[in-house]
Protein backbone atom coordinates (compact mmCIF):
# COMPACT_ATOMS: atom_id res chain seq x y z
CA UNK A 1 -0.32 -0.03 0.04
CA UNK A 2 3.04 2.37 1.03
CA UNK A 3 4.47 1.60 -2.48
CA UNK A 4 0.82 2.37 -4.28
CA UNK A 5 0.93 6.14 -2.58
CA UNK A 6 4.93 6.31 -3.16
CA UNK A 7 3.57 6.15 -7.07
CA UNK A 8 0.78 8.32 -7.25
CA UNK A 9 3.12 11.06 -5.40
CA UNK A 10 6.08 10.01 -7.83
CA UNK A 11 3.55 10.32 -11.32
CA UNK A 12 1.22 13.57 -10.03
CA UNK A 13 4.54 15.96 -8.60
CA UNK A 14 4.37 19.62 -9.84
CA UNK A 15 7.35 20.42 -13.19
CA UNK A 16 7.81 23.46 -12.91
CA UNK A 17 5.85 23.89 -15.97
CA UNK A 18 3.27 23.21 -14.24
CA UNK A 19 3.62 25.82 -12.58
CA UNK A 20 2.15 29.04 -13.93
CA UNK A 21 -0.99 27.18 -15.56
CA UNK A 22 -2.06 26.11 -11.87
CA UNK A 23 -1.83 29.50 -10.58
CA UNK A 24 -3.61 31.26 -13.68
CA UNK A 25 -6.92 29.08 -12.45
CA UNK A 26 -6.45 30.09 -8.76
CA UNK A 27 -5.51 33.75 -9.00
CA UNK A 28 -7.16 36.67 -11.09
CA UNK A 29 -4.31 39.52 -11.41
CA UNK A 30 -3.88 42.60 -13.46
CA UNK A 31 -5.90 43.10 -16.27
CA UNK A 32 -8.09 39.88 -15.30
CA UNK A 33 -9.11 40.39 -11.59
CA UNK A 34 -11.98 43.16 -12.88
CA UNK A 35 -13.77 40.65 -15.09
CA UNK A 36 -13.51 37.65 -12.64
CA UNK A 37 -15.10 39.48 -9.71
CA UNK A 38 -17.50 40.72 -12.34
CA UNK A 39 -18.64 36.57 -13.01
CA UNK A 40 -17.60 35.41 -9.46
CA UNK A 41 -20.30 37.68 -7.63
CA UNK A 42 -22.21 36.66 -10.30
CA UNK A 43 -22.34 33.11 -9.70
CA UNK A 44 -21.79 33.44 -6.17
CA UNK A 45 -25.76 35.58 -6.07
CA UNK A 46 -26.89 32.76 -7.63
CA UNK A 47 -25.80 29.93 -6.32
CA UNK A 48 -27.10 31.92 -2.38
CA UNK A 49 -30.79 32.72 -4.14
CA UNK A 50 -30.82 28.79 -5.91
CA UNK A 51 -29.62 27.48 -2.64
CA UNK A 52 -31.68 29.62 -0.31
CA UNK A 53 -34.40 28.24 -2.67
CA UNK A 54 -33.87 24.85 -2.32
CA UNK A 55 -33.47 25.26 1.64
CA UNK A 56 -37.04 26.74 1.69
CA UNK A 57 -38.96 24.02 -0.31
CA UNK A 58 -36.50 21.84 1.52
CA UNK A 59 -35.22 20.75 -2.33
CA UNK A 60 -32.50 18.63 -1.86
CA UNK A 61 -31.46 17.96 -5.72
CA UNK A 62 -31.98 22.22 -6.03
CA UNK A 63 -29.27 22.71 -3.48
CA UNK A 64 -27.27 20.51 -4.94
CA UNK A 65 -27.92 22.93 -8.20
CA UNK A 66 -26.63 25.62 -6.11
CA UNK A 67 -23.33 23.39 -4.93
CA UNK A 68 -22.42 23.37 -8.74
CA UNK A 69 -22.99 26.27 -9.50
CA UNK A 70 -21.16 27.70 -6.49
CA UNK A 71 -17.57 29.64 -6.83
CA UNK A 72 -16.81 30.32 -3.78
CA UNK A 73 -13.72 26.62 -3.21
CA UNK A 74 -12.24 28.95 -6.55
CA UNK A 75 -10.56 31.29 -4.04
CA UNK A 76 -10.76 28.73 -0.53
CA UNK A 77 -7.88 26.55 -2.68
CA UNK A 78 -5.81 29.56 -3.63
CA UNK A 79 -6.22 31.23 0.04
CA UNK A 80 -4.22 26.81 0.45
CA UNK A 81 -2.17 27.25 -2.87
CA UNK A 82 -0.66 30.85 -1.62
CA UNK A 83 -0.67 29.64 2.53
CA UNK A 84 1.54 26.28 0.96
CA UNK A 85 4.02 29.18 -1.94
CA UNK A 86 4.35 30.98 1.20
CA UNK A 87 3.21 34.13 -1.00
CA UNK A 88 1.20 36.70 2.09
CA UNK A 89 -0.08 39.23 -0.85
CA UNK A 90 -1.80 36.29 -2.38
CA UNK A 91 -2.67 34.73 0.81
CA UNK A 92 -4.23 37.67 2.26
CA UNK A 93 -6.49 38.73 -1.24
CA UNK A 94 -7.54 35.10 -1.24
CA UNK A 95 -8.89 35.07 2.51
CA UNK A 96 -10.38 38.63 2.06
CA UNK A 97 -12.80 37.85 -0.86
CA UNK A 98 -13.49 34.22 0.91
CA UNK A 99 -14.66 36.70 3.58
CA UNK A 100 -16.65 39.17 1.46
CA UNK A 101 -18.28 35.76 -0.34
CA UNK A 102 -19.03 34.92 2.96
CA UNK A 103 -21.06 37.77 3.96
CA UNK A 104 -22.86 38.48 1.02
CA UNK A 105 -24.34 34.69 1.04
CA UNK A 106 -24.77 35.10 4.37
CA UNK A 107 -27.08 38.31 3.70
CA UNK A 108 -28.56 37.21 0.57
CA UNK A 109 -29.96 34.27 3.14
CA UNK A 110 -31.28 36.92 6.26
CA UNK A 111 -32.80 38.89 3.55
CA UNK A 112 -34.37 35.37 2.25
CA UNK A 113 -35.58 34.85 5.96
CA UNK A 114 -37.10 38.60 6.45
CA UNK A 115 -38.83 37.47 3.67
CA UNK A 116 -40.36 34.83 5.02
CA UNK A 117 -40.57 35.41 8.40
CA UNK A 118 -43.07 32.78 10.57
CA UNK A 119 -43.19 30.74 7.85
CA UNK A 120 -39.95 28.83 7.82
CA UNK A 121 -39.88 25.51 9.93
CA UNK A 122 -37.18 25.60 10.75
CA UNK A 123 -37.95 22.09 13.72
CA UNK A 124 -39.26 20.13 10.20
CA UNK A 125 -36.47 21.59 7.42
CA UNK A 126 -34.53 18.39 6.59
CA UNK A 127 -32.37 21.06 4.32
CA UNK A 128 -31.92 23.28 7.71
CA UNK A 129 -31.74 20.82 10.63
CA UNK A 130 -28.78 18.41 8.44
CA UNK A 131 -27.09 21.54 8.19
CA UNK A 132 -27.01 22.74 12.25
CA UNK A 133 -25.54 20.01 14.04
CA UNK A 134 -22.41 19.24 12.53
CA UNK A 135 -21.11 16.39 13.75
CA UNK A 136 -17.05 14.62 13.71
CA UNK A 137 -17.99 12.12 10.69
CA UNK A 138 -18.21 15.33 8.46
CA UNK A 139 -15.16 17.01 9.05
CA UNK A 140 -13.49 13.58 7.70
CA UNK A 141 -16.34 13.77 4.48
CA UNK A 142 -14.63 17.76 4.72
CA UNK A 143 -10.65 16.80 4.74
CA UNK A 144 -11.19 13.91 1.66
CA UNK A 145 -13.17 16.38 0.25
CA UNK A 146 -10.43 19.66 0.61
CA UNK A 147 -7.61 17.09 -0.58
CA UNK A 148 -9.91 15.29 -3.99
CA UNK A 149 -10.36 19.04 -5.24
CA UNK A 150 -6.90 19.67 -4.61
CA UNK A 151 -5.62 17.05 -7.16
CA UNK A 152 -8.16 17.99 -8.99
CA UNK A 153 -6.96 21.12 -9.90
CA UNK A 154 -3.50 19.68 -9.70
CA UNK A 155 -4.09 17.98 -12.81
CA UNK A 156 -6.59 18.69 -16.25
CA UNK A 157 -6.63 15.40 -17.17
CA UNK A 158 -9.01 14.89 -14.06
CA UNK A 159 -10.88 18.43 -14.12
CA UNK A 160 -14.39 16.84 -14.16
CA UNK A 161 -14.42 15.43 -11.48
CA UNK A 162 -14.75 18.66 -9.65
CA UNK A 163 -18.52 19.58 -9.72
CA UNK A 164 -18.10 15.92 -7.72
CA UNK A 165 -15.88 17.63 -5.16
CA UNK A 166 -18.27 20.90 -5.31
CA UNK A 167 -21.04 18.59 -3.92
CA UNK A 168 -19.75 16.72 -1.38
CA UNK A 169 -18.02 19.65 0.04
CA UNK A 170 -20.96 21.95 1.24
CA UNK A 171 -20.05 25.94 1.09
CA UNK A 172 -21.98 27.65 0.46
CA UNK A 173 -25.71 26.28 1.45
CA UNK A 174 -24.76 26.27 5.59
CA UNK A 175 -24.08 30.08 4.75
CA UNK A 176 -27.79 30.28 4.06
CA UNK A 177 -29.13 28.67 6.66
CA UNK A 178 -27.01 30.95 8.86
CA UNK A 179 -28.51 34.46 7.84
CA UNK A 180 -32.22 31.74 7.67
CA UNK A 181 -31.54 31.05 11.25
CA UNK A 182 -30.29 34.57 12.20
CA UNK A 183 -34.10 35.89 10.38
CA UNK A 184 -35.82 34.70 12.33
CA UNK A 185 -34.47 34.36 15.91
CA UNK A 186 -32.66 30.70 15.70
CA UNK A 187 -29.03 31.26 17.25
CA UNK A 188 -27.72 27.91 18.34
CA UNK A 189 -28.61 26.80 14.60
CA UNK A 190 -26.81 29.85 13.11
CA UNK A 191 -24.19 28.96 14.96
CA UNK A 192 -24.65 25.40 14.48
CA UNK A 193 -24.71 25.62 10.42
CA UNK A 194 -21.93 28.47 10.26
CA UNK A 195 -19.40 25.37 12.20
CA UNK A 196 -20.34 22.89 9.51
CA UNK A 197 -18.75 25.80 6.96
CA UNK A 198 -16.01 26.53 9.44
CA UNK A 199 -15.63 23.13 9.19
CA UNK A 200 -15.47 22.53 5.70
CA UNK A 201 -13.37 26.13 5.08
CA UNK A 202 -10.74 24.60 7.71
CA UNK A 203 -10.56 21.03 5.44
CA UNK A 204 -9.49 22.47 2.31
CA UNK A 205 -7.15 24.71 3.31
CA UNK A 206 -5.65 21.55 5.51
CA UNK A 207 -5.89 18.92 3.29
CA UNK A 208 -6.26 20.43 0.18
CA UNK A 209 -2.47 22.20 1.26
CA UNK A 210 -1.10 19.11 2.42
CA UNK A 211 -2.00 17.34 -1.02
CA UNK A 212 -0.03 20.15 -2.86
CA UNK A 213 2.65 20.30 -0.15
CA UNK A 214 3.47 16.63 -1.33
CA UNK A 215 3.21 17.41 -4.27
CA UNK A 216 5.68 19.08 -4.24
CA UNK A 217 3.81 22.45 -5.27
CA UNK A 218 6.78 24.75 -3.63
CA UNK A 219 9.71 22.99 -5.00
CA UNK A 220 8.66 22.96 -8.80
CA UNK A 221 7.71 26.52 -8.20
CA UNK A 222 11.77 27.19 -7.59
CA UNK A 223 10.18 29.87 -4.36
CA UNK A 224 12.24 28.60 -1.41
CA UNK A 225 10.41 30.82 1.55
CA UNK A 226 12.60 32.13 4.27
CA UNK A 227 11.49 32.67 7.95
CA UNK A 228 8.79 30.94 9.74
CA UNK A 229 6.16 32.18 8.29
CA UNK A 230 4.47 29.61 6.54
CA UNK A 231 4.65 26.90 9.26
CA UNK A 232 2.94 29.62 11.71
CA UNK A 233 0.30 29.57 9.36
CA UNK A 234 0.06 25.64 8.92
CA UNK A 235 0.57 25.33 12.42
CA UNK A 236 -2.69 27.89 12.86
CA UNK A 237 -4.66 25.94 10.55
CA UNK A 238 -3.95 23.28 11.92
CA UNK A 239 -4.77 23.59 15.49
CA UNK A 240 -8.43 25.09 14.46
CA UNK A 241 -9.05 22.65 12.53
CA UNK A 242 -8.60 21.00 16.29
CA UNK A 243 -10.03 23.34 18.48
CA UNK A 244 -13.28 22.72 15.68
CA UNK A 245 -13.35 18.98 15.65
CA UNK A 246 -14.28 19.02 19.21
CA UNK A 247 -17.07 20.41 19.34
CA UNK A 248 -18.31 18.10 16.09
CA UNK A 249 -17.38 15.15 18.21
CA UNK A 250 -19.90 16.26 20.90
CA UNK A 251 -21.97 17.14 18.74
CA UNK A 252 -21.85 13.62 17.06
CA UNK A 253 -21.64 11.72 20.56
CA UNK A 254 -25.11 13.78 21.72
CA UNK A 255 -27.45 12.82 18.58
CA UNK A 256 -26.18 9.74 18.27
CA UNK A 257 -27.27 9.35 21.92
CA UNK A 258 -30.18 10.90 20.92
CA UNK A 259 -31.73 8.97 18.16
CA UNK A 260 -30.57 5.19 19.81
CA UNK A 261 -33.02 6.72 22.97
CA UNK A 262 -35.99 7.77 20.56
CA UNK A 263 -35.26 4.61 18.37
CA UNK A 264 -35.98 2.44 21.89
CA UNK A 265 -38.49 4.96 23.03
CA UNK A 266 -40.45 4.44 19.75
CA UNK A 267 -40.18 0.55 19.99
CA UNK A 268 -41.90 0.39 23.56
CA UNK A 269 -44.58 2.73 22.47
CA UNK A 270 -45.42 0.37 19.40
CA UNK A 271 -45.45 -2.50 22.24
CA UNK A 272 -47.24 -0.22 24.31
CA UNK A 273 -49.91 0.56 21.71
CA UNK A 274 -50.58 -2.92 19.92
CA UNK A 275 -53.83 -3.88 19.87
CA UNK A 276 -55.04 -0.91 21.04
CA UNK A 277 -56.54 1.14 18.36
CA UNK A 278 -54.45 3.81 18.68
CA UNK A 279 -51.26 4.40 16.91
CA UNK A 280 -47.72 6.40 17.54
CA UNK A 281 -47.64 9.36 16.19
CA UNK A 282 -44.50 11.11 16.67
CA UNK A 283 -41.48 10.65 19.50
CA UNK A 284 -39.45 13.37 20.30
CA UNK A 285 -35.83 12.64 22.74
CA UNK A 286 -33.78 15.25 24.01
CA UNK A 287 -31.12 13.77 25.63
CA UNK A 288 -29.66 16.70 28.03
CA UNK A 289 -33.08 16.99 29.65
CA UNK A 290 -33.79 13.30 29.87
CA UNK A 291 -37.30 13.72 28.76
CA UNK A 292 -38.96 11.94 26.19
CA UNK A 293 -42.00 13.12 23.87
CA UNK A 294 -44.77 10.50 22.92
CA UNK A 295 -47.69 11.15 20.70
CA UNK A 296 -50.38 8.93 19.62
CA UNK A 297 -53.44 9.67 18.30
CA UNK A 298 -56.86 6.87 17.91
CA UNK A 299 -60.35 6.31 19.31
CA UNK A 300 -61.74 4.79 22.78
CA UNK A 301 -60.18 3.93 25.96
CA UNK A 302 -56.10 5.11 25.67
CA UNK A 303 -53.56 2.52 27.31
CA UNK A 304 -52.44 2.69 30.87
CA UNK A 305 -49.51 5.95 30.88
CA UNK A 306 -48.27 4.03 33.83
CA UNK A 307 -47.19 0.54 31.32
CA UNK A 308 -45.43 2.99 29.16
CA UNK A 309 -43.93 4.77 31.23
CA UNK A 310 -42.39 1.70 32.52
CA UNK A 311 -42.04 0.12 29.44
CA UNK A 312 -40.12 2.88 28.13
CA UNK A 313 -37.50 2.77 31.19
CA UNK A 314 -37.37 -0.89 30.92
CA UNK A 315 -36.44 -0.06 27.62
CA UNK A 316 -34.05 2.57 27.89
CA UNK A 317 -32.87 0.68 30.98
CA UNK A 318 -32.86 4.84 32.61
CA UNK A 319 -35.37 6.95 34.18
CA UNK A 320 -36.20 9.18 32.44
CA UNK A 321 -39.68 12.48 32.01
CA UNK A 322 -42.33 10.52 29.85
CA UNK A 323 -44.54 12.88 27.99
CA UNK A 324 -47.76 11.74 27.01
CA UNK A 325 -49.92 13.80 23.82
CA UNK A 326 -53.35 12.10 23.01
CA UNK A 327 -55.35 13.26 19.21
CA UNK A 328 -58.45 11.54 19.18
CA UNK A 329 -59.45 10.40 16.02
CA UNK A 330 -62.88 11.01 15.02
CA UNK A 331 -64.06 9.29 11.77
CA UNK A 332 -67.02 9.63 9.53
CA UNK A 333 -68.15 8.28 6.51
CA UNK A 334 -70.56 9.26 3.94
CA UNK A 335 -74.55 7.56 3.26
CA UNK A 336 -74.53 7.15 -0.61
CA UNK A 337 -78.57 7.59 -1.26
CA UNK A 338 -80.72 4.89 -3.11
CA UNK A 339 -82.20 5.55 -6.41
């Protein structure tokens, strides 16, 4: 396996002739700068509109389309490249462009949210819920996507895979969710979505930059960086990534516990309502408060609440507070008149 990776790195190393073409794809300077910025912000605004509309409509396909359109990965990868090459002016310009892009997308999401005030279902929209509770596995996926993105950019013959990388690492949709949540006063959800973006951003810098170093970009550019600037910059990226990983691990553990608690509670509730004429409609759990909420619907006399509490405690193996909501059902049937 080690020989395989050594061969991959050796066969795909940067040569001096590769560097100008590679950097031209990431850094737009001189006469090209104005046209690039116009196109960048045009695509970014359109991607933000598409993503926000897809989130509001709870449409996965629409959000995926926005990921492909969004150009935000280019300046982030440019920042990683500038750090590897030790080019501080280019790094600062790329970072500024990223920050302007982030601000633009959040602002558009916020404006959309104000337009749909009171309509957005923050607790039920799967596009929002999926981006407000990032987990450690999201960091793993983002690191792999960042490495894939750098590798694809370095080779012209596999550049067609870049749209797949754009889909796998979500940048614009989490920022749209941040804006939507801020407009609705959902501060905790907004922080979670922002954490997801920061995770993806740092992953591109860390994994993408690491791949470029392994492929010998700095050596091929004949750029001998003096001092500790580049090393300090990457040390900061690594430390920040580790700090971000802590809440991701905690969130992942909490979510896993919540899913397990909900599954055990649902099993107990289904057994409790069996052959009673009642159906389990909803099971919600909160790990921190050790509480389960169960909603059932049906007709007639419901089964004993005490039996449900006992069944839930036995299923989860710990004492939890049980809240039961019973929704009575009335059925009506039309009677067809006989001729």
